[in-house]
Amino acid sequence: MKTFSKIKKLVLVTVGVSVSGAVVAASIAEQLTQYGPVARARLRPYFEKQNLTYPPSQIAFIGLKQEKILEIYARSGTNDFKRVRSYPILAASGGAGPKLREGDRQVPEGIYGIESLNPNSRFHLSLRVDYPNAFDREQAAREGRTNLGGDIMIHGSNVSVGCLAMGDEAAEDLFVLAADTGLKNITVILAPVDFRDEHKTVPASAKSPAWMAGLYEKLRTQLKQFPKGEKP
């Protein structure tokens, strides 16, 4: 019942009807009906291995640019986060450094949430990251930047411009997990490198504004909540 009640609270998006009136785009609920059982069957063994309930109370998606990995952490109640599993990032344009403007092809860096789910993505299924967030807008205002871009997605397929392309099966898992957990219970951390590794530094080639040093320190602190441990 916990999962069902959360699904009911999601906005059910329909894109439209064809001229003939025969084709209607799928809603979130319909995509969960189609992909939910198989995705949950793939996910549950990972949660059971970590002694976590499904769906969990909170989840964190940690996207590491240099490592090309999206790590999934979860916790039940007030317990510590545990790493559930990781997925390879199949494509992500740009490099180290933040997204600053529309068309720079950069994946953002910072701490975000998931704004919405798109059941009718051109790339199978997608989760919309809430870039630009308040911090991004504040820095842009200070620097006089106005067109910050947007539509940053975690999606299926293996091609991307400024988004994280995860492949279709992984996108199904992430879409279902996000819907079951509730969007307000999701944190997304996007970092240039895995700051938990003391030997890793941001590449010198990265063109980052001065304020990124403070953001990177915040990311280092935030990532301490998520122990690397053994790979599930």
Protein backbone atom coordinates (compact mmCIF):
# COMPACT_ATOMS: atom_id res chain seq x y z
CA MET A 1 0.00 0.00 0.00
CA LYS A 2 2.94 2.34 0.64
CA THR A 3 4.02 2.16 -2.99
CA PHE A 4 0.48 2.58 -4.33
CA SER A 5 -0.20 5.66 -2.24
CA LYS A 6 2.99 7.33 -3.50
CA ILE A 7 2.17 6.50 -7.11
CA LYS A 8 -1.25 8.12 -6.76
CA LYS A 9 0.42 11.40 -5.75
CA LEU A 10 2.47 11.57 -8.94
CA VAL A 11 1.24 13.71 -11.78
CA LEU A 12 0.03 11.44 -14.56
CA VAL A 13 1.38 12.98 -17.75
CA THR A 14 -0.19 12.36 -21.13
CA VAL A 15 1.37 13.98 -24.16
CA GLY A 16 -1.56 13.91 -26.53
CA VAL A 17 -3.58 12.12 -29.16
CA SER A 18 -2.80 11.60 -32.82
CA VAL A 19 -4.85 13.31 -35.51
CA SER A 20 -6.84 10.11 -35.96
CA GLY A 21 -7.45 9.93 -32.23
CA ALA A 22 -5.98 6.41 -32.12
CA VAL A 23 -2.65 6.93 -30.36
CA VAL A 24 -2.45 8.18 -26.79
CA ALA A 25 0.90 8.62 -25.04
CA ALA A 26 1.52 6.57 -21.93
CA SER A 27 1.04 7.97 -18.44
CA ILE A 28 3.40 7.42 -15.53
CA ALA A 29 0.96 4.89 -14.07
CA GLU A 30 0.82 2.97 -17.34
CA GLN A 31 4.60 2.84 -17.62
CA LEU A 32 4.82 1.64 -14.02
CA THR A 33 2.33 -1.10 -14.85
CA GLN A 34 4.41 -2.12 -17.84
CA TYR A 35 7.92 -1.87 -16.40
CA GLY A 36 7.35 -1.94 -12.65
CA PRO A 37 7.16 -5.67 -11.97
CA VAL A 38 10.33 -6.53 -13.88
CA ALA A 39 12.28 -3.52 -12.58
CA ARG A 40 11.30 -4.27 -8.96
CA ALA A 41 12.33 -7.89 -9.47
CA ARG A 42 15.76 -6.69 -10.59
CA LEU A 43 16.07 -4.20 -7.72
CA ARG A 44 14.79 -6.15 -4.73
CA PRO A 45 17.73 -8.60 -4.44
CA TYR A 46 20.11 -5.64 -4.07
CA PHE A 47 17.95 -4.15 -1.33
CA GLU A 48 17.63 -7.48 0.45
CA LYS A 49 21.40 -7.94 0.37
CA GLN A 50 21.77 -4.65 2.25
CA ASN A 51 18.88 -5.43 4.64
CA LEU A 52 16.89 -2.51 3.28
CA THR A 53 13.15 -2.36 2.82
CA TYR A 54 11.68 -1.71 -0.61
CA PRO A 55 10.74 0.96 -1.36
CA PRO A 56 13.21 2.76 0.91
CA SER A 57 12.60 5.96 2.87
CA GLN A 58 15.21 7.91 0.91
CA ILE A 59 17.53 7.40 -2.03
CA ALA A 60 20.52 9.24 -3.42
CA PHE A 61 21.79 9.14 -6.98
CA ILE A 62 25.51 9.94 -7.10
CA GLY A 63 26.74 10.73 -10.60
CA LEU A 64 30.52 10.71 -10.98
CA LYS A 65 31.68 12.22 -14.26
CA GLN A 66 35.26 10.98 -14.40
CA GLU A 67 34.34 7.48 -13.24
CA LYS A 68 31.28 7.34 -15.55
CA ILE A 69 29.19 5.74 -12.82
CA LEU A 70 25.81 6.46 -11.25
CA GLU A 71 25.72 5.01 -7.73
CA ILE A 72 22.45 4.30 -5.96
CA TYR A 73 22.30 4.67 -2.18
CA ALA A 74 19.26 4.09 0.02
CA ARG A 75 18.21 4.06 3.63
CA SER A 76 15.25 2.97 5.67
CA GLY A 77 14.02 5.28 8.41
CA THR A 78 16.87 7.19 10.04
CA ASN A 79 19.50 4.52 9.41
CA ASP A 80 22.68 5.31 7.51
CA PHE A 81 22.74 5.23 3.72
CA LYS A 82 23.94 2.00 2.14
CA ARG A 83 25.12 1.52 -1.41
CA VAL A 84 22.56 -0.58 -3.24
CA ARG A 85 24.16 -0.83 -6.65
CA SER A 86 25.75 1.19 -9.43
CA TYR A 87 25.12 1.63 -13.14
CA PRO A 88 27.57 2.66 -15.85
CA ILE A 89 26.90 6.02 -17.47
CA LEU A 90 26.88 5.14 -21.16
CA ALA A 91 27.12 8.72 -22.43
CA ALA A 92 27.47 12.22 -20.99
CA SER A 93 28.82 15.16 -22.96
CA GLY A 94 31.22 17.79 -21.70
CA GLY A 95 33.76 17.29 -18.94
CA ALA A 96 34.70 18.46 -15.47
CA GLY A 97 33.22 21.79 -14.49
CA PRO A 98 29.70 23.15 -14.00
CA LYS A 99 26.97 23.87 -16.49
CA LEU A 100 26.89 27.65 -16.95
CA ARG A 101 24.70 28.35 -19.97
CA GLU A 102 22.39 26.92 -22.60
CA GLY A 103 24.29 24.99 -25.24
CA ASP A 104 27.57 24.47 -23.36
CA ARG A 105 26.92 20.69 -23.44
CA GLN A 106 27.95 20.37 -19.80
CA VAL A 107 26.39 18.08 -17.20
CA PRO A 108 25.71 20.21 -14.09
CA GLU A 109 27.67 19.79 -10.87
CA GLY A 110 26.04 20.23 -7.49
CA ILE A 111 23.28 18.91 -5.25
CA TYR A 112 19.88 18.55 -6.85
CA GLY A 113 16.54 16.83 -6.65
CA ILE A 114 14.36 15.04 -9.16
CA GLU A 115 11.73 17.46 -10.42
CA SER A 116 9.54 15.12 -12.45
CA LEU A 117 9.32 11.86 -14.37
CA ASN A 118 8.81 11.72 -18.12
CA PRO A 119 7.03 8.56 -19.26
CA ASN A 120 7.24 9.62 -22.92
CA SER A 121 10.89 10.53 -23.31
CA ARG A 122 12.55 10.34 -26.71
CA PHE A 123 15.11 8.24 -24.83
CA HIS A 124 12.72 5.62 -23.44
CA LEU A 125 12.07 6.91 -19.88
CA SER A 126 13.63 9.82 -18.04
CA LEU A 127 13.99 11.60 -14.71
CA ARG A 128 14.29 15.39 -14.81
CA VAL A 129 16.99 16.91 -12.59
CA ASP A 130 16.00 20.27 -11.07
CA TYR A 131 18.81 22.26 -12.67
CA PRO A 132 19.18 25.20 -12.35
CA ASN A 133 18.66 25.18 -8.60
CA ALA A 134 18.73 28.20 -6.29
CA PHE A 135 22.53 28.08 -5.98
CA ASP A 136 22.98 28.01 -9.78
CA ARG A 137 20.64 30.97 -10.22
CA GLU A 138 22.39 32.93 -7.47
CA GLN A 139 25.81 32.53 -9.09
CA ALA A 140 24.39 33.37 -12.52
CA ALA A 141 22.82 36.58 -11.17
CA ARG A 142 26.16 37.65 -9.70
CA GLU A 143 27.91 37.07 -13.03
CA GLY A 144 25.19 38.47 -15.25
CA ARG A 145 24.39 35.17 -16.90
CA THR A 146 20.73 34.81 -17.94
CA ASN A 147 20.29 31.78 -20.19
CA LEU A 148 21.30 28.89 -17.94
CA GLY A 149 19.76 26.08 -19.94
CA GLY A 150 17.74 23.23 -18.49
CA ASP A 151 16.07 19.93 -19.40
CA ILE A 152 18.81 17.92 -17.69
CA MET A 153 17.69 14.31 -17.66
CA ILE A 154 18.75 10.89 -16.47
CA HIS A 155 17.42 8.79 -19.31
CA GLY A 156 17.64 5.67 -21.40
CA SER A 157 19.49 5.05 -24.67
CA ASN A 158 23.23 5.57 -25.08
CA VAL A 159 23.47 9.09 -26.54
CA SER A 160 23.31 12.37 -24.68
CA VAL A 161 23.96 16.11 -24.80
CA GLY A 162 24.30 17.44 -21.28
CA CYS A 163 22.34 14.58 -19.74
CA LEU A 164 23.18 11.14 -18.33
CA ALA A 165 22.37 8.32 -20.74
CA MET A 166 22.02 5.08 -18.78
CA GLY A 167 20.62 2.56 -21.26
CA ASP A 168 16.98 1.51 -21.36
CA GLU A 169 17.02 -1.20 -18.69
CA ALA A 170 18.78 1.03 -16.16
CA ALA A 171 16.36 3.86 -16.99
CA GLU A 172 13.46 1.54 -16.20
CA ASP A 173 14.99 0.66 -12.83
CA LEU A 174 15.64 4.29 -11.94
CA PHE A 175 12.20 5.46 -13.12
CA VAL A 176 10.39 2.80 -11.07
CA LEU A 177 12.62 3.28 -8.02
CA ALA A 178 12.04 7.05 -8.09
CA ALA A 179 8.28 6.65 -8.45
CA ASP A 180 8.08 4.08 -5.65
CA THR A 181 10.25 6.10 -3.26
CA GLY A 182 8.66 9.49 -3.97
CA LEU A 183 10.40 12.37 -5.73
CA LYS A 184 10.65 14.49 -2.57
CA ASN A 185 12.78 11.72 -1.02
CA ILE A 186 15.51 11.77 -3.68
CA THR A 187 18.84 13.60 -3.64
CA VAL A 188 21.03 13.83 -6.73
CA ILE A 189 24.74 14.57 -6.31
CA LEU A 190 26.68 15.31 -9.49
CA ALA A 191 30.44 15.61 -9.07
CA PRO A 192 33.41 15.88 -11.45
CA VAL A 193 35.32 13.13 -9.61
CA ASP A 194 34.78 10.87 -6.63
CA PHE A 195 35.94 13.21 -3.86
CA ARG A 196 35.88 10.32 -1.36
CA ASP A 197 39.14 9.23 -2.95
CA GLU A 198 41.74 11.60 -1.48
CA HIS A 199 44.06 11.03 -4.42
CA LYS A 200 41.59 12.31 -6.99
CA THR A 201 41.46 15.95 -7.99
CA VAL A 202 39.54 17.94 -10.55
CA PRO A 203 41.46 17.93 -13.86
CA ALA A 204 43.53 21.05 -14.39
CA SER A 205 41.89 21.44 -17.81
CA ALA A 206 38.52 22.14 -16.18
CA LYS A 207 37.47 25.75 -16.65
CA SER A 208 35.60 26.47 -13.45
CA PRO A 209 34.72 29.83 -11.90
CA ALA A 210 36.23 30.71 -8.52
CA TRP A 211 33.04 29.89 -6.63
CA MET A 212 33.35 26.21 -7.62
CA ALA A 213 36.02 25.68 -4.94
CA GLY A 214 33.38 26.24 -2.27
CA LEU A 215 30.90 23.99 -4.06
CA TYR A 216 33.48 21.21 -4.38
CA GLU A 217 34.15 21.43 -0.65
CA LYS A 218 30.42 21.08 -0.05
CA LEU A 219 30.33 18.04 -2.34
CA ARG A 220 33.23 16.46 -0.44
CA THR A 221 31.34 16.92 2.83
CA GLN A 222 28.09 15.62 1.37
CA LEU A 223 29.72 12.52 -0.09
CA LYS A 224 31.00 11.49 3.35
CA GLN A 225 27.45 10.32 4.10
CA PHE A 226 27.85 7.66 1.45
CA PRO A 227 30.60 5.16 2.31
CA LYS A 228 32.16 3.43 -0.68
CA GLY A 229 32.45 0.01 0.99
CA GLU A 230 32.35 -3.12 -1.13
CA LYS A 231 30.54 -3.14 -4.42
CA PRO A 232 27.16 -4.92 -4.09
